[in-house]
Amino acid sequence: MDFDKQFKEYYEKIKLSSSKKKELIGEEGEKGSRDALRGRIKKDFKEKGRKQPKFYMQGSFSMNTTINPISAEYDLDDGVYLQNIDTLKPMDEWETPETVHKWIIDAVDGHTSKKPTDKNLCVRVNYADERKHIDLPIYAQKDDTYYLAVKGEGWVESDPKEIKDWFLDEIKEKREQFRRVVRYLKGWKDFRENENNQVKLYGGFQLTVLASNHFIESESDEESFFKTVEGINSKFWIYKQQILHPKNGSKNIIEHYTEVRREKFVEEFEKMYQKAKAAYEENDCVEKSTKWRKIFGDRFPLLKNDDCDEDKKGSKAAIITGTTNIANTSGRQA
C-alpha cells in the first residue's frame, strides 16, 4: 500500500504558501517586515555617513525549504554585506565583529517592541508576537572571499551564496522530490522538538546535506522519504562525528555541536527510522496512517476504514478500466 497521496497532503500543510512568504517579507513601508528592516538599517547608515550595506536573503527561506512550524518561530536569515569597511587593509585592521554588531544593534533597536539580541554569529531582531525572528549575519568581502563577523573569533571565511547555488544545482539534478524530502525531514524535526522541548536535533542545513548524500528518487514520496532515511541511518557511525560541507570537504558542519547533542541526534534518528520502517511496511491503511503520525504529528492525514475502502475501490476501478482498454485495443488490432 503506497502513501504518496497522504505524504503530498502533509506537504501542502507544512510548506509555505505564497501569501505567507509575502507576509514574512512584506513591503518596505510595512512595519515588521524584512524589507522594512532593511530600510531602517539603510536609513541609519545614511544618517551616520556610512556607505549603505547590501543585503542577501539566505538560509532555508532563500532555498524554499522553510516549513510552517507547529509552535516555534519562523526563522529568517538576511545577510548584511557591509560596504564601508576598507578591505584593502590587512584583516587585523578592520573594524572588529563586536564593533560592526553594535552598528546593526543601534540601527535596528526600536524597530520592534522587543530588544534585539546580540548573538555571536548574528544580530537577531525579535518580534512581539513571537511567531518569527530575523537573524542578521554581517559580512565583508575581500577580493572574491566573504567573511562573517563572529564575536569572540574575528572575521571567519563564510559564503552562504555558494550554499544556495549548491542547493539549486541539487534541485536541477534531483528535481523537486528532493526539496519535498528535505521538508519532510524538517517536519519530523519540528514535531519532535515541539513534542519534547528538551530535544535539540541537527539544524536544517545539516538535514539538507544528509538528505542530499542519500537521496533516493521514486515515483512515491513515501518510498523516497523512507529509502533516504534508511540510507542516512546506515551511515551514522560516520555522521555522529562529522558531516562534510558540500562545497568544502575539509569543513565539518557539526563541529560546533557538543558530543551530547550529537549522541542525542543519532539516538532520535534511529528511533525515527524504526518508526518509519514500521509505517512503510504496514499494509493496513488505518494503522499505516497512525504510524506515520507518530513521526510527523497530527498534520499528517489520519485515515479511517471508509477512506481505505474508497482507495480500494479506486484501485479496482483502475484495474478494470485498464483491462477493458487492453481488450478494446486487442479488438481493434484484430
C-alpha atoms as a PDB file:
ATOM      1  CA  MET A   1       0.000   0.000   0.000  1.00  0.00           C
ATOM      2  CA  ASP A   2       1.510   3.322  -1.116  1.00  0.00           C
ATOM      3  CA  PHE A   3       1.017   6.584   0.780  1.00  0.00           C
ATOM      4  CA  ASP A   4       2.273   9.034  -1.830  1.00  0.00           C
ATOM      5  CA  LYS A   5      -1.081  10.854  -1.761  1.00  0.00           C
ATOM      6  CA  GLN A   6      -1.033  11.212   2.023  1.00  0.00           C
ATOM      7  CA  PHE A   7       2.558  12.466   2.010  1.00  0.00           C
ATOM      8  CA  LYS A   8       1.662  15.124  -0.536  1.00  0.00           C
ATOM      9  CA  GLU A   9      -1.342  16.191   1.574  1.00  0.00           C
ATOM     10  CA  TYR A  10       1.009  16.566   4.530  1.00  0.00           C
ATOM     11  CA  TYR A  11       3.450  18.502   2.364  1.00  0.00           C
ATOM     12  CA  GLU A  12       0.796  21.068   1.463  1.00  0.00           C
ATOM     13  CA  LYS A  13       0.286  21.728   5.181  1.00  0.00           C
ATOM     14  CA  ILE A  14       3.928  22.271   6.051  1.00  0.00           C
ATOM     15  CA  LYS A  15       5.184  24.203   3.032  1.00  0.00           C
ATOM     16  CA  LEU A  16       4.915  27.998   2.983  1.00  0.00           C
ATOM     17  CA  SER A  17       2.106  29.407   0.889  1.00  0.00           C
ATOM     18  CA  SER A  18       2.816  32.372  -1.381  1.00  0.00           C
ATOM     19  CA  SER A  19       0.716  34.580   0.915  1.00  0.00           C
ATOM     20  CA  LYS A  20       2.786  33.542   3.963  1.00  0.00           C
ATOM     21  CA  LYS A  21       6.018  34.261   2.077  1.00  0.00           C
ATOM     22  CA  LYS A  22       4.713  37.695   1.155  1.00  0.00           C
ATOM     23  CA  GLU A  23       3.677  38.324   4.758  1.00  0.00           C
ATOM     24  CA  LEU A  24       7.139  37.429   6.086  1.00  0.00           C
ATOM     25  CA  ILE A  25       8.987  39.534   3.527  1.00  0.00           C
ATOM     26  CA  GLY A  26       6.457  42.346   3.303  1.00  0.00           C
ATOM     27  CA  GLU A  27       6.896  45.728   1.692  1.00  0.00           C
ATOM     28  CA  GLU A  28       9.448  48.353   2.675  1.00  0.00           C
ATOM     29  CA  GLY A  29       6.826  50.580   4.253  1.00  0.00           C
ATOM     30  CA  GLU A  30       5.232  47.747   6.172  1.00  0.00           C
ATOM     31  CA  LYS A  31       6.304  47.658   9.818  1.00  0.00           C
ATOM     32  CA  GLY A  32       7.686  44.333  10.963  1.00  0.00           C
ATOM     33  CA  SER A  33       8.680  43.021   7.547  1.00  0.00           C
ATOM     34  CA  ARG A  34      12.110  42.080   6.281  1.00  0.00           C
ATOM     35  CA  ASP A  35      12.087  44.919   3.767  1.00  0.00           C
ATOM     36  CA  ALA A  36      11.111  47.429   6.438  1.00  0.00           C
ATOM     37  CA  LEU A  37      14.083  46.258   8.486  1.00  0.00           C
ATOM     38  CA  ARG A  38      16.405  46.727   5.532  1.00  0.00           C
ATOM     39  CA  GLY A  39      15.056  50.220   5.039  1.00  0.00           C
ATOM     40  CA  ARG A  40      15.704  51.086   8.684  1.00  0.00           C
ATOM     41  CA  ILE A  41      19.330  49.908   8.504  1.00  0.00           C
ATOM     42  CA  LYS A  42      19.949  51.829   5.270  1.00  0.00           C
ATOM     43  CA  LYS A  43      18.481  54.989   6.775  1.00  0.00           C
ATOM     44  CA  ASP A  44      20.598  54.688   9.926  1.00  0.00           C
ATOM     45  CA  PHE A  45      23.799  54.165   7.949  1.00  0.00           C
ATOM     46  CA  LYS A  46      22.999  57.128   5.712  1.00  0.00           C
ATOM     47  CA  GLU A  47      22.340  59.393   8.684  1.00  0.00           C
ATOM     48  CA  LYS A  48      25.681  58.407  10.202  1.00  0.00           C
ATOM     49  CA  GLY A  49      27.597  58.983   6.987  1.00  0.00           C
ATOM     50  CA  ARG A  50      28.326  55.326   6.345  1.00  0.00           C
ATOM     51  CA  LYS A  51      28.086  53.724   2.941  1.00  0.00           C
ATOM     52  CA  GLN A  52      24.863  51.767   2.807  1.00  0.00           C
ATOM     53  CA  PRO A  53      25.127  47.981   3.071  1.00  0.00           C
ATOM     54  CA  LYS A  54      23.749  45.457   0.635  1.00  0.00           C
ATOM     55  CA  PHE A  55      21.515  42.550   1.624  1.00  0.00           C
ATOM     56  CA  TYR A  56      21.167  38.945   0.585  1.00  0.00           C
ATOM     57  CA  MET A  57      18.457  36.584   1.805  1.00  0.00           C
ATOM     58  CA  GLN A  58      19.969  33.278   2.830  1.00  0.00           C
ATOM     59  CA  GLY A  59      19.147  30.057   4.625  1.00  0.00           C
ATOM     60  CA  SER A  60      16.059  27.904   4.134  1.00  0.00           C
ATOM     61  CA  PHE A  61      13.849  30.798   3.026  1.00  0.00           C
ATOM     62  CA  SER A  62      16.088  31.548   0.057  1.00  0.00           C
ATOM     63  CA  MET A  63      16.205  27.837  -0.848  1.00  0.00           C
ATOM     64  CA  ASN A  64      12.423  27.494  -0.431  1.00  0.00           C
ATOM     65  CA  THR A  65      12.676  24.744   2.190  1.00  0.00           C
ATOM     66  CA  THR A  66      11.204  26.677   5.130  1.00  0.00           C
ATOM     67  CA  ILE A  67       8.253  24.950   6.772  1.00  0.00           C
ATOM     68  CA  ASN A  68       5.289  26.185   8.780  1.00  0.00           C
ATOM     69  CA  PRO A  69       6.338  25.442  12.370  1.00  0.00           C
ATOM     70  CA  ILE A  70       3.884  23.920  14.831  1.00  0.00           C
ATOM     71  CA  SER A  71       4.634  26.417  17.572  1.00  0.00           C
ATOM     72  CA  ALA A  72       8.207  27.617  17.061  1.00  0.00           C
ATOM     73  CA  GLU A  73       9.087  30.903  15.365  1.00  0.00           C
ATOM     74  CA  TYR A  74       9.640  31.373  11.659  1.00  0.00           C
ATOM     75  CA  ASP A  75      13.391  31.828  11.249  1.00  0.00           C
ATOM     76  CA  LEU A  76      14.504  34.238   8.515  1.00  0.00           C
ATOM     77  CA  ASP A  77      18.150  34.945   7.701  1.00  0.00           C
ATOM     78  CA  ASP A  78      19.024  38.161   5.911  1.00  0.00           C
ATOM     79  CA  GLY A  79      22.738  38.735   5.336  1.00  0.00           C
ATOM     80  CA  VAL A  80      24.058  42.290   5.777  1.00  0.00           C
ATOM     81  CA  TYR A  81      27.009  42.953   3.454  1.00  0.00           C
ATOM     82  CA  LEU A  82      28.969  45.951   4.670  1.00  0.00           C
ATOM     83  CA  GLN A  83      30.322  48.344   2.055  1.00  0.00           C
ATOM     84  CA  ASN A  84      32.020  50.781   4.435  1.00  0.00           C
ATOM     85  CA  ILE A  85      34.934  48.621   5.593  1.00  0.00           C
ATOM     86  CA  ASP A  86      38.259  49.240   3.886  1.00  0.00           C
ATOM     87  CA  THR A  87      39.061  45.667   2.975  1.00  0.00           C
ATOM     88  CA  LEU A  88      42.244  46.777   1.204  1.00  0.00           C
ATOM     89  CA  LYS A  89      43.746  46.933   4.680  1.00  0.00           C
ATOM     90  CA  PRO A  90      45.022  43.784   6.439  1.00  0.00           C
ATOM     91  CA  MET A  91      42.161  41.965   8.178  1.00  0.00           C
ATOM     92  CA  ASP A  92      43.508  42.708  11.646  1.00  0.00           C
ATOM     93  CA  GLU A  93      42.994  46.421  10.896  1.00  0.00           C
ATOM     94  CA  TRP A  94      39.307  46.007  10.013  1.00  0.00           C
ATOM     95  CA  GLU A  95      36.636  47.063  12.466  1.00  0.00           C
ATOM     96  CA  THR A  96      36.058  44.222  14.905  1.00  0.00           C
ATOM     97  CA  PRO A  97      32.983  41.973  14.788  1.00  0.00           C
ATOM     98  CA  GLU A  98      31.940  43.475  18.123  1.00  0.00           C
ATOM     99  CA  THR A  99      32.006  46.950  16.556  1.00  0.00           C
ATOM    100  CA  VAL A 100      30.011  46.070  13.445  1.00  0.00           C
ATOM    101  CA  HIS A 101      27.496  44.123  15.527  1.00  0.00           C
ATOM    102  CA  LYS A 102      26.933  47.302  17.529  1.00  0.00           C
ATOM    103  CA  TRP A 103      26.324  49.253  14.311  1.00  0.00           C
ATOM    104  CA  ILE A 104      23.481  46.892  13.431  1.00  0.00           C
ATOM    105  CA  ILE A 105      22.142  46.722  17.004  1.00  0.00           C
ATOM    106  CA  ASP A 106      21.950  50.520  17.102  1.00  0.00           C
ATOM    107  CA  ALA A 107      20.238  50.619  13.709  1.00  0.00           C
ATOM    108  CA  VAL A 108      17.503  48.082  14.495  1.00  0.00           C
ATOM    109  CA  ASP A 109      16.879  48.888  18.163  1.00  0.00           C
ATOM    110  CA  GLY A 110      13.327  50.184  18.435  1.00  0.00           C
ATOM    111  CA  HIS A 111      12.183  48.555  15.199  1.00  0.00           C
ATOM    112  CA  THR A 112      10.017  46.268  17.318  1.00  0.00           C
ATOM    113  CA  SER A 113       8.832  46.493  20.917  1.00  0.00           C
ATOM    114  CA  LYS A 114      11.309  43.763  21.874  1.00  0.00           C
ATOM    115  CA  LYS A 115      15.035  44.364  22.211  1.00  0.00           C
ATOM    116  CA  PRO A 116      17.319  42.805  19.579  1.00  0.00           C
ATOM    117  CA  THR A 117      19.654  40.020  20.677  1.00  0.00           C
ATOM    118  CA  ASP A 118      23.374  40.290  20.001  1.00  0.00           C
ATOM    119  CA  LYS A 119      24.396  36.698  19.235  1.00  0.00           C
ATOM    120  CA  ASN A 120      27.881  35.518  18.302  1.00  0.00           C
ATOM    121  CA  LEU A 121      27.016  34.842  14.660  1.00  0.00           C
ATOM    122  CA  CYS A 122      24.369  37.491  14.045  1.00  0.00           C
ATOM    123  CA  VAL A 123      22.084  40.173  15.397  1.00  0.00           C
ATOM    124  CA  ARG A 124      18.597  38.802  15.988  1.00  0.00           C
ATOM    125  CA  VAL A 125      15.539  41.027  15.636  1.00  0.00           C
ATOM    126  CA  ASN A 126      12.745  39.689  17.842  1.00  0.00           C
ATOM    127  CA  TYR A 127       9.041  40.281  17.275  1.00  0.00           C
ATOM    128  CA  ALA A 128       6.398  40.738  19.946  1.00  0.00           C
ATOM    129  CA  ASP A 129       4.068  38.062  18.557  1.00  0.00           C
ATOM    130  CA  GLU A 130       6.896  35.521  18.979  1.00  0.00           C
ATOM    131  CA  ARG A 131       5.971  33.942  15.655  1.00  0.00           C
ATOM    132  CA  LYS A 132       9.123  34.970  13.810  1.00  0.00           C
ATOM    133  CA  HIS A 133      12.573  36.456  14.199  1.00  0.00           C
ATOM    134  CA  ILE A 134      15.038  37.759  11.653  1.00  0.00           C
ATOM    135  CA  ASP A 135      18.718  36.955  12.017  1.00  0.00           C
ATOM    136  CA  LEU A 136      21.168  39.445  10.528  1.00  0.00           C
ATOM    137  CA  PRO A 137      24.617  37.888   9.980  1.00  0.00           C
ATOM    138  CA  ILE A 138      27.160  40.542   8.977  1.00  0.00           C
ATOM    139  CA  TYR A 139      29.690  40.105   6.162  1.00  0.00           C
ATOM    140  CA  ALA A 140      32.574  41.860   4.487  1.00  0.00           C
ATOM    141  CA  GLN A 141      34.123  40.945   1.131  1.00  0.00           C
ATOM    142  CA  LYS A 142      37.822  40.919   0.299  1.00  0.00           C
ATOM    143  CA  ASP A 143      38.627  40.053  -3.302  1.00  0.00           C
ATOM    144  CA  ASP A 144      36.357  37.082  -4.072  1.00  0.00           C
ATOM    145  CA  THR A 145      36.099  35.840  -0.484  1.00  0.00           C
ATOM    146  CA  TYR A 146      33.369  36.632   2.050  1.00  0.00           C
ATOM    147  CA  TYR A 147      33.970  36.865   5.780  1.00  0.00           C
ATOM    148  CA  LEU A 148      31.421  36.617   8.587  1.00  0.00           C
ATOM    149  CA  ALA A 149      31.768  38.815  11.693  1.00  0.00           C
ATOM    150  CA  VAL A 150      31.852  36.315  14.580  1.00  0.00           C
ATOM    151  CA  LYS A 151      32.055  37.766  18.060  1.00  0.00           C
ATOM    152  CA  GLY A 152      34.946  36.337  20.024  1.00  0.00           C
ATOM    153  CA  GLU A 153      36.551  34.783  16.935  1.00  0.00           C
ATOM    154  CA  GLY A 154      37.060  37.589  14.431  1.00  0.00           C
ATOM    155  CA  TRP A 155      36.290  37.541  10.708  1.00  0.00           C
ATOM    156  CA  VAL A 156      35.646  33.956   9.589  1.00  0.00           C
ATOM    157  CA  GLU A 157      35.514  32.858   5.958  1.00  0.00           C
ATOM    158  CA  SER A 158      31.909  32.060   5.048  1.00  0.00           C
ATOM    159  CA  ASP A 159      29.834  32.320   1.893  1.00  0.00           C
ATOM    160  CA  PRO A 160      26.105  31.498   2.168  1.00  0.00           C
ATOM    161  CA  LYS A 161      25.640  32.309  -1.520  1.00  0.00           C
ATOM    162  CA  GLU A 162      27.567  29.198  -2.528  1.00  0.00           C
ATOM    163  CA  ILE A 163      25.237  27.101  -0.351  1.00  0.00           C
ATOM    164  CA  LYS A 164      22.198  28.393  -2.194  1.00  0.00           C
ATOM    165  CA  ASP A 165      23.896  27.782  -5.557  1.00  0.00           C
ATOM    166  CA  TRP A 166      24.809  24.254  -4.442  1.00  0.00           C
ATOM    167  CA  PHE A 167      21.227  23.556  -3.397  1.00  0.00           C
ATOM    168  CA  LEU A 168      19.762  24.865  -6.653  1.00  0.00           C
ATOM    169  CA  ASP A 169      22.158  22.612  -8.564  1.00  0.00           C
ATOM    170  CA  GLU A 170      20.923  19.704  -6.429  1.00  0.00           C
ATOM    171  CA  ILE A 171      17.328  20.539  -7.368  1.00  0.00           C
ATOM    172  CA  LYS A 172      18.241  20.580 -11.065  1.00  0.00           C
ATOM    173  CA  GLU A 173      19.795  17.133 -10.726  1.00  0.00           C
ATOM    174  CA  LYS A 174      17.439  15.506  -8.213  1.00  0.00           C
ATOM    175  CA  ARG A 175      14.298  17.504  -9.049  1.00  0.00           C
ATOM    176  CA  GLU A 176      11.511  18.717  -6.789  1.00  0.00           C
ATOM    177  CA  GLN A 177      11.080  15.476  -4.887  1.00  0.00           C
ATOM    178  CA  PHE A 178      14.405  16.221  -3.200  1.00  0.00           C
ATOM    179  CA  ARG A 179      13.046  19.526  -1.869  1.00  0.00           C
ATOM    180  CA  ARG A 180       9.992  17.700  -0.552  1.00  0.00           C
ATOM    181  CA  VAL A 181      12.123  15.093   1.237  1.00  0.00           C
ATOM    182  CA  VAL A 182      14.110  17.898   2.883  1.00  0.00           C
ATOM    183  CA  ARG A 183      10.852  19.428   4.104  1.00  0.00           C
ATOM    184  CA  TYR A 184       9.626  16.048   5.388  1.00  0.00           C
ATOM    185  CA  LEU A 185      12.806  15.760   7.468  1.00  0.00           C
ATOM    186  CA  LYS A 186      12.265  19.266   8.788  1.00  0.00           C
ATOM    187  CA  GLY A 187       8.660  18.345   9.554  1.00  0.00           C
ATOM    188  CA  TRP A 188       9.891  15.434  11.687  1.00  0.00           C
ATOM    189  CA  LYS A 189      12.388  17.704  13.440  1.00  0.00           C
ATOM    190  CA  ASP A 190       9.725  20.334  14.135  1.00  0.00           C
ATOM    191  CA  PHE A 191       7.247  17.778  15.506  1.00  0.00           C
ATOM    192  CA  ARG A 192       9.836  16.027  17.693  1.00  0.00           C
ATOM    193  CA  GLU A 193      11.231  19.250  19.161  1.00  0.00           C
ATOM    194  CA  ASN A 194       7.709  20.557  19.761  1.00  0.00           C
ATOM    195  CA  GLU A 195       6.780  17.257  21.401  1.00  0.00           C
ATOM    196  CA  ASN A 196       9.778  17.496  23.746  1.00  0.00           C
ATOM    197  CA  ASN A 197      11.374  20.925  24.060  1.00  0.00           C
ATOM    198  CA  GLN A 198      14.425  19.366  25.700  1.00  0.00           C
ATOM    199  CA  VAL A 199      15.346  17.682  22.414  1.00  0.00           C
ATOM    200  CA  LYS A 200      17.583  19.691  20.059  1.00  0.00           C
ATOM    201  CA  LEU A 201      18.254  17.974  16.753  1.00  0.00           C
ATOM    202  CA  TYR A 202      20.654  18.942  13.965  1.00  0.00           C
ATOM    203  CA  GLY A 203      19.797  22.116  12.083  1.00  0.00           C
ATOM    204  CA  GLY A 204      18.063  22.443   8.728  1.00  0.00           C
ATOM    205  CA  PHE A 205      21.317  22.779   6.788  1.00  0.00           C
ATOM    206  CA  GLN A 206      22.698  19.571   8.291  1.00  0.00           C
ATOM    207  CA  LEU A 207      19.465  17.710   7.473  1.00  0.00           C
ATOM    208  CA  THR A 208      19.605  19.050   3.902  1.00  0.00           C
ATOM    209  CA  VAL A 209      23.164  17.780   3.411  1.00  0.00           C
ATOM    210  CA  LEU A 210      22.263  14.371   4.858  1.00  0.00           C
ATOM    211  CA  ALA A 211      19.260  14.155   2.523  1.00  0.00           C
ATOM    212  CA  SER A 212      21.458  15.078  -0.433  1.00  0.00           C
ATOM    213  CA  ASN A 213      24.029  12.420   0.450  1.00  0.00           C
ATOM    214  CA  HIS A 214      21.437   9.630   0.455  1.00  0.00           C
ATOM    215  CA  PHE A 215      18.510  10.831  -1.640  1.00  0.00           C
ATOM    216  CA  ILE A 216      16.605   8.098  -3.471  1.00  0.00           C
ATOM    217  CA  GLU A 217      14.240   9.188  -6.221  1.00  0.00           C
ATOM    218  CA  SER A 218      10.962   7.312  -6.524  1.00  0.00           C
ATOM    219  CA  GLU A 219       7.504   7.613  -8.043  1.00  0.00           C
ATOM    220  CA  SER A 220       6.273   7.695  -4.430  1.00  0.00           C
ATOM    221  CA  ASP A 221       7.209  10.346  -1.857  1.00  0.00           C
ATOM    222  CA  GLU A 222       6.654   7.769   0.878  1.00  0.00           C
ATOM    223  CA  GLU A 223       9.235   5.438  -0.627  1.00  0.00           C
ATOM    224  CA  SER A 224      11.658   8.268  -1.422  1.00  0.00           C
ATOM    225  CA  PHE A 225      11.497   9.542   2.169  1.00  0.00           C
ATOM    226  CA  PHE A 226      11.886   6.096   3.732  1.00  0.00           C
ATOM    227  CA  LYS A 227      14.742   4.972   1.461  1.00  0.00           C
ATOM    228  CA  THR A 228      16.571   8.270   2.039  1.00  0.00           C
ATOM    229  CA  VAL A 229      16.165   7.930   5.811  1.00  0.00           C
ATOM    230  CA  GLU A 230      17.332   4.321   5.593  1.00  0.00           C
ATOM    231  CA  GLY A 231      20.493   5.400   3.786  1.00  0.00           C
ATOM    232  CA  ILE A 232      21.246   8.150   6.299  1.00  0.00           C
ATOM    233  CA  ASN A 233      20.706   5.792   9.220  1.00  0.00           C
ATOM    234  CA  SER A 234      23.154   3.260   7.771  1.00  0.00           C
ATOM    235  CA  LYS A 235      25.994   5.796   7.948  1.00  0.00           C
ATOM    236  CA  PHE A 236      25.596   7.182  11.455  1.00  0.00           C
ATOM    237  CA  TRP A 237      28.862   5.631  12.539  1.00  0.00           C
ATOM    238  CA  ILE A 238      30.290   8.462  10.382  1.00  0.00           C
ATOM    239  CA  TYR A 239      27.688  11.203  10.898  1.00  0.00           C
ATOM    240  CA  LYS A 240      27.977  11.072  14.670  1.00  0.00           C
ATOM    241  CA  GLN A 241      31.446  12.580  14.261  1.00  0.00           C
ATOM    242  CA  GLN A 242      31.317  14.583  11.063  1.00  0.00           C
ATOM    243  CA  ILE A 243      29.198  15.751   8.154  1.00  0.00           C
ATOM    244  CA  LEU A 244      31.309  17.280   5.420  1.00  0.00           C
ATOM    245  CA  HIS A 245      30.391  20.650   3.933  1.00  0.00           C
ATOM    246  CA  PRO A 246      29.078  20.097   0.370  1.00  0.00           C
ATOM    247  CA  LYS A 247      31.352  22.801  -1.093  1.00  0.00           C
ATOM    248  CA  ASN A 248      34.337  22.484   1.238  1.00  0.00           C
ATOM    249  CA  GLY A 249      35.273  18.902   2.014  1.00  0.00           C
ATOM    250  CA  SER A 250      37.687  19.949   4.760  1.00  0.00           C
ATOM    251  CA  LYS A 251      34.931  21.562   6.842  1.00  0.00           C
ATOM    252  CA  ASN A 252      32.835  19.608   9.340  1.00  0.00           C
ATOM    253  CA  ILE A 253      29.379  21.217   9.629  1.00  0.00           C
ATOM    254  CA  ILE A 254      28.638  19.634  13.022  1.00  0.00           C
ATOM    255  CA  GLU A 255      31.938  20.537  14.688  1.00  0.00           C
ATOM    256  CA  HIS A 256      30.210  23.233  16.759  1.00  0.00           C
ATOM    257  CA  TYR A 257      27.734  20.734  18.231  1.00  0.00           C
ATOM    258  CA  THR A 258      28.513  19.183  21.612  1.00  0.00           C
ATOM    259  CA  GLU A 259      29.092  15.456  21.919  1.00  0.00           C
ATOM    260  CA  VAL A 260      25.869  15.205  23.918  1.00  0.00           C
ATOM    261  CA  ARG A 261      23.860  16.803  21.094  1.00  0.00           C
ATOM    262  CA  ARG A 262      25.427  14.522  18.506  1.00  0.00           C
ATOM    263  CA  GLU A 263      24.696  11.413  20.552  1.00  0.00           C
ATOM    264  CA  LYS A 264      21.115  12.557  21.115  1.00  0.00           C
ATOM    265  CA  PHE A 265      20.557  13.200  17.417  1.00  0.00           C
ATOM    266  CA  VAL A 266      21.798   9.728  16.491  1.00  0.00           C
ATOM    267  CA  GLU A 267      19.505   8.224  19.121  1.00  0.00           C
ATOM    268  CA  GLU A 268      16.484  10.214  17.914  1.00  0.00           C
ATOM    269  CA  PHE A 269      17.138   9.490  14.243  1.00  0.00           C
ATOM    270  CA  GLU A 270      17.443   5.763  14.914  1.00  0.00           C
ATOM    271  CA  LYS A 271      14.072   5.842  16.708  1.00  0.00           C
ATOM    272  CA  MET A 272      12.539   7.732  13.795  1.00  0.00           C
ATOM    273  CA  TYR A 273      13.974   5.257  11.290  1.00  0.00           C
ATOM    274  CA  GLN A 274      12.484   2.292  13.163  1.00  0.00           C
ATOM    275  CA  LYS A 275       9.083   4.023  13.243  1.00  0.00           C
ATOM    276  CA  ALA A 276       9.356   4.875   9.543  1.00  0.00           C
ATOM    277  CA  LYS A 277      10.249   1.259   8.728  1.00  0.00           C
ATOM    278  CA  ALA A 278       7.197   0.023  10.612  1.00  0.00           C
ATOM    279  CA  ALA A 279       4.962   2.561   8.843  1.00  0.00           C
ATOM    280  CA  TYR A 280       6.419   1.882   5.392  1.00  0.00           C
ATOM    281  CA  GLU A 281       5.961  -1.882   5.748  1.00  0.00           C
ATOM    282  CA  GLU A 282       2.446  -1.655   7.235  1.00  0.00           C
ATOM    283  CA  ASN A 283      -0.324  -2.920   4.956  1.00  0.00           C
ATOM    284  CA  ASP A 284      -3.344  -1.842   6.963  1.00  0.00           C
ATOM    285  CA  CYS A 285      -4.425   1.619   5.792  1.00  0.00           C
ATOM    286  CA  VAL A 286      -5.590   2.941   9.173  1.00  0.00           C
ATOM    287  CA  GLU A 287      -2.589   1.562  11.058  1.00  0.00           C
ATOM    288  CA  LYS A 288      -0.238   2.935   8.410  1.00  0.00           C
ATOM    289  CA  SER A 289      -1.540   6.493   8.812  1.00  0.00           C
ATOM    290  CA  THR A 290      -1.378   6.159  12.611  1.00  0.00           C
ATOM    291  CA  LYS A 291       2.242   5.073  12.435  1.00  0.00           C
ATOM    292  CA  TRP A 292       3.285   7.929  10.141  1.00  0.00           C
ATOM    293  CA  ARG A 293       1.603  10.379  12.537  1.00  0.00           C
ATOM    294  CA  LYS A 294       3.986   9.181  15.243  1.00  0.00           C
ATOM    295  CA  ILE A 295       6.747  10.732  13.122  1.00  0.00           C
ATOM    296  CA  PHE A 296       5.025  13.825  11.715  1.00  0.00           C
ATOM    297  CA  GLY A 297       2.226  14.580  14.190  1.00  0.00           C
ATOM    298  CA  ASP A 298      -1.438  15.279  13.570  1.00  0.00           C
ATOM    299  CA  ARG A 299      -0.808  17.348  10.445  1.00  0.00           C
ATOM    300  CA  PHE A 300      -0.292  14.032   8.665  1.00  0.00           C
ATOM    301  CA  PRO A 301      -3.646  12.628   7.409  1.00  0.00           C
ATOM    302  CA  LEU A 302      -5.398  10.183   9.727  1.00  0.00           C
ATOM    303  CA  LEU A 303      -7.356   7.681   7.663  1.00  0.00           C
ATOM    304  CA  LYS A 304     -10.488   5.772   8.614  1.00  0.00           C
ATOM    305  CA  ASN A 305     -11.764   2.451   7.313  1.00  0.00           C
ATOM    306  CA  ASP A 306     -14.091   4.236   4.879  1.00  0.00           C
ATOM    307  CA  ASP A 307     -11.103   6.104   3.391  1.00  0.00           C
ATOM    308  CA  CYS A 308      -9.313   2.813   2.877  1.00  0.00           C
ATOM    309  CA  ASP A 309     -12.390   1.293   1.218  1.00  0.00           C
ATOM    310  CA  GLU A 310     -12.521   4.251  -1.213  1.00  0.00           C
ATOM    311  CA  ASP A 311      -8.861   3.738  -2.090  1.00  0.00           C
ATOM    312  CA  LYS A 312      -9.513   0.052  -2.738  1.00  0.00           C
ATOM    313  CA  LYS A 313     -12.480   0.882  -4.956  1.00  0.00           C
ATOM    314  CA  GLY A 314     -10.364   3.347  -6.893  1.00  0.00           C
ATOM    315  CA  SER A 315      -7.621   0.773  -7.362  1.00  0.00           C
ATOM    316  CA  LYS A 316     -10.104  -1.871  -8.539  1.00  0.00           C
ATOM    317  CA  ALA A 317     -11.700   0.592 -10.949  1.00  0.00           C
ATOM    318  CA  ALA A 318      -8.299   1.439 -12.390  1.00  0.00           C
ATOM    319  CA  ILE A 319      -7.521  -2.248 -12.894  1.00  0.00           C
ATOM    320  CA  ILE A 320     -10.889  -2.901 -14.569  1.00  0.00           C
ATOM    321  CA  THR A 321     -10.516   0.160 -16.810  1.00  0.00           C
ATOM    322  CA  GLY A 322      -7.016  -0.895 -17.759  1.00  0.00           C
ATOM    323  CA  THR A 323      -8.205  -4.406 -18.588  1.00  0.00           C
ATOM    324  CA  THR A 324     -11.085  -3.027 -20.684  1.00  0.00           C
ATOM    325  CA  ASN A 325      -8.741  -0.753 -22.624  1.00  0.00           C
ATOM    326  CA  ILE A 326      -6.434  -3.652 -23.361  1.00  0.00           C
ATOM    327  CA  ALA A 327      -9.366  -5.725 -24.557  1.00  0.00           C
ATOM    328  CA  ASN A 328     -10.648  -2.914 -26.795  1.00  0.00           C
ATOM    329  CA  THR A 329      -7.210  -2.344 -28.192  1.00  0.00           C
ATOM    330  CA  SER A 330      -6.852  -6.054 -28.922  1.00  0.00           C
ATOM    331  CA  GLY A 331     -10.218  -5.995 -30.685  1.00  0.00           C
ATOM    332  CA  ARG A 332      -9.227  -3.142 -32.965  1.00  0.00           C
ATOM    333  CA  GLN A 333      -5.942  -4.780 -33.839  1.00  0.00           C
ATOM    334  CA  ALA A 334      -7.751  -7.983 -34.696  1.00  0.00           C
END
